[in-house]
Amino acid sequence: MIVEFPHKAPTGYSYEFEQYNTRTVRIMLRHHAKYDYNLGKSVATVWGFYAPKKRVYYAPINATSIGKEVNIQNTTSYTAMPLNITALEKCFV
């Protein structure tokens, strides 16, 4: 669905792309570990949103709310939410 999605899923995770509305795709990050509180099922969190016609990524506010537009270079494989880190902290990320 998203040809130009640049991130590779971390070990033990996978991405799921689902149509959120007519103009937006929701990108979910699924963790394949088994969780007792979830009756042994895997869990997923929203990575972010994507507008294919505009080729724009958005950070999530939550699983159902689209946040601000983000530069894909400022995202990680875990989330589209931009990190607010200093230059020194970037050495460790």
Protein backbone atom coordinates (compact mmCIF):
# COMPACT_ATOMS: atom_id res chain seq x y z
CA MET A 1 0.00 0.00 0.00
CA ILE A 2 2.84 2.40 0.86
CA VAL A 3 5.67 1.86 -1.57
CA GLU A 4 7.89 4.64 -0.26
CA PHE A 5 7.66 3.81 3.48
CA PRO A 6 11.35 3.99 4.44
CA HIS A 7 11.45 2.26 7.82
CA LYS A 8 12.07 -1.43 8.40
CA ALA A 9 10.22 -2.97 11.30
CA PRO A 10 12.38 -3.64 14.38
CA THR A 11 13.04 -7.26 15.34
CA GLY A 12 9.86 -8.84 16.72
CA TYR A 13 7.60 -6.19 15.15
CA SER A 14 5.76 -5.69 11.88
CA TYR A 15 3.85 -2.85 10.23
CA GLU A 16 0.19 -3.01 9.31
CA PHE A 17 -1.36 -0.49 6.94
CA GLU A 18 -5.09 0.08 7.19
CA GLN A 19 -7.40 2.53 5.48
CA TYR A 20 -8.32 5.07 8.15
CA ASN A 21 -10.57 7.24 6.00
CA THR A 22 -10.87 8.06 2.30
CA ARG A 23 -7.68 10.15 2.27
CA THR A 24 -5.54 8.64 5.03
CA VAL A 25 -3.82 5.38 5.89
CA ARG A 26 -3.13 4.47 9.52
CA ILE A 27 0.21 2.75 10.10
CA MET A 28 0.20 0.36 13.03
CA LEU A 29 3.28 -1.17 14.67
CA ARG A 30 2.49 -4.70 15.91
CA HIS A 31 4.62 -6.33 18.62
CA HIS A 32 4.50 -10.10 18.24
CA ALA A 33 5.30 -10.97 21.86
CA LYS A 34 2.54 -12.63 23.87
CA TYR A 35 1.07 -10.59 26.72
CA ASP A 36 -0.76 -12.09 29.71
CA TYR A 37 -3.06 -9.07 30.11
CA ASN A 38 -4.13 -9.51 26.49
CA LEU A 39 -4.88 -13.24 26.80
CA GLY A 40 -1.66 -14.20 25.03
CA LYS A 41 -2.31 -12.08 21.94
CA SER A 42 0.08 -9.61 20.38
CA VAL A 43 -0.51 -5.87 20.75
CA ALA A 44 -0.33 -2.96 18.33
CA THR A 45 0.26 0.75 18.65
CA VAL A 46 -0.26 3.48 16.10
CA TRP A 47 3.00 4.49 14.37
CA GLY A 48 1.43 7.39 12.53
CA PHE A 49 -0.71 8.35 9.56
CA TYR A 50 -0.01 8.80 5.85
CA ALA A 51 -1.83 10.74 3.12
CA PRO A 52 -0.93 8.91 -0.14
CA LYS A 53 -2.11 11.63 -2.54
CA LYS A 54 -0.07 14.30 -0.76
CA ARG A 55 2.76 11.89 0.18
CA VAL A 56 2.76 13.37 3.67
CA TYR A 57 3.23 11.64 7.05
CA TYR A 58 1.52 12.78 10.25
CA ALA A 59 2.34 12.12 13.89
CA PRO A 60 -0.46 10.56 15.93
CA ILE A 61 -2.19 12.31 18.81
CA ASN A 62 -3.69 8.94 19.70
CA ALA A 63 -4.91 5.91 17.74
CA THR A 64 -7.85 7.83 16.27
CA SER A 65 -6.56 11.40 15.97
CA ILE A 66 -4.15 12.75 13.36
CA GLY A 67 -1.55 15.22 14.60
CA LYS A 68 0.87 17.54 12.86
CA GLU A 69 2.71 16.88 9.61
CA VAL A 70 6.21 15.45 10.14
CA ASN A 71 9.32 15.07 8.04
CA ILE A 72 9.91 11.35 7.61
CA GLN A 73 13.63 11.96 8.29
CA ASN A 74 12.72 13.05 11.84
CA THR A 75 10.85 9.83 12.67
CA THR A 76 12.02 6.46 13.96
CA SER A 77 10.94 2.93 13.16
CA TYR A 78 8.91 2.98 16.40
CA THR A 79 6.93 6.20 15.99
CA ALA A 80 6.25 9.19 13.79
CA MET A 81 6.26 11.45 16.83
CA PRO A 82 9.32 13.70 16.52
CA LEU A 83 11.93 13.41 19.23
CA ASN A 84 12.92 16.57 21.07
CA ILE A 85 16.55 15.79 21.79
CA THR A 86 19.71 17.84 22.01
CA ALA A 87 22.73 17.45 19.73
CA LEU A 88 24.54 15.52 22.48
CA GLU A 89 21.59 13.16 22.93
CA LYS A 90 21.58 12.44 19.18
CA CYS A 91 24.94 10.72 19.65
CA PHE A 92 23.20 8.06 21.76
CA VAL A 93 20.10 7.55 19.61
